[in-house]
Amino acid sequence: MKTSDFYYDLPEELIAQDPLADRSASRLLHLDRETGEIQHTDFKHITRYLNPGDCLVINDTKVIPARLYGSKVGTDAGIEILLLKRKGDNVWETLVKPGKKAKPGTVISFGDGLLTGEVIDVVEEGNRLIRFHYEGIFEEILDKLGEMPLPPYITHKLEDKNRYQTVYAKNEGSAAAPTAGLHFTEELLEEIRRMGVNIAHVTLHVGLGTFRPVKVDDVEKHHMHSEFYVVEEDQAKLINDTKKNGGRIISVGTTSCRTLESAADEDGNLQAKSGWTEIFIYPGYQFKIIDGLITNFHLPESTLLMLVSALAGKENIMKAYEEAVRERYRFFSFGDAMLIQ
């Protein structure tokens, strides 16, 4: 299986640069994974495809304002860092630009010294471990100094940083939003609950590995970066009971999907657990838990495009993407959505 098998042509103007005023006003492409049949509607009408007794599984992670701009103490050279993973007390794995200015021992000042960081090690792929020093609460300082780490294909400035959060974001720790959830409003979630659909939550802190391009020709040789997840006991029970009672498990986003599939045993029972996952789902994978997936449109040749191809079949996905381009759907993080069932 070649990475190039997952290429499609996307006109640049279809990359959504701004979120819509109304989250649920996005368009929705419904794909039947058995027949390949496609239907077009609006996201607010997703209720047409849900049944009482189903369970939506959301990822309640919260994006932190993980992009920081500082200067090297001693030279005042500008340095940009992106927080990737918390490694321990005040130590983070980070992506630093330009890396050559950030050798171990380098001290970087942010916000006129409100926050300082010392580079203590260089790790995998040139990432830096930085130990931070500050007074007060780290999250509050980050809120003051940090910016939302929007993906590189979004060039517009985000006016309201809450629009890069889901309405149910709770547990801080992501470097990127679980974007399939951005389409839900409180009102739509309430309507779904009233239908008798359960809503379960898991947590997976999204790292930038999700967006890293696949640099190998042979798909199976690609290595995923690890991401931390949590499945709580009561949520595992809710999801397992749904399956026992004949309801469907519909994952909101690839992050929820990867969490569920990582925490499932071989018999398809979801375990209450937490840990790091490097699960890479591509065609040939046998899903243990999910029956459906709500997701955005993904980059060509990306691991996320491979995941949806594993669920719906590559041919069905490529045809659906061709149609989405033809119908002028909006693509990527602030774009429209797809429901695969």
Foldseek 3Di string as FASTA:
>chain_A
DFLQLQFDDFDLVLADQAFDPALQQFKEWEAALVPLDIDIDTNLPCLVVFAALAEEEEAQAWEALFWFWWAWPPPRHIKIKGFFFDDDQQKTWIDIPPLVQQDAQIKTAGPNNQKIWGFHDQDPPRITIIRMDHPDDPSVVSVVGGHQQDDPSRPDHHPDRCLQEAPNHDHYAASHYLQLRSSDDPVSVVVSVVNNYHYAYKHKHHGCLQVDAQPDGDVVPGWGDKIKIFAADVRLVSQQVSVVVPHFYEYRGPRSQQRQQVQADPQLRGDGDIDIDRDQAAAPDDRRRHDKYKYFADHGSGSVLRNVCNNRNNVSSVVSVVVCSVVSWRGDRSTHIYMYD
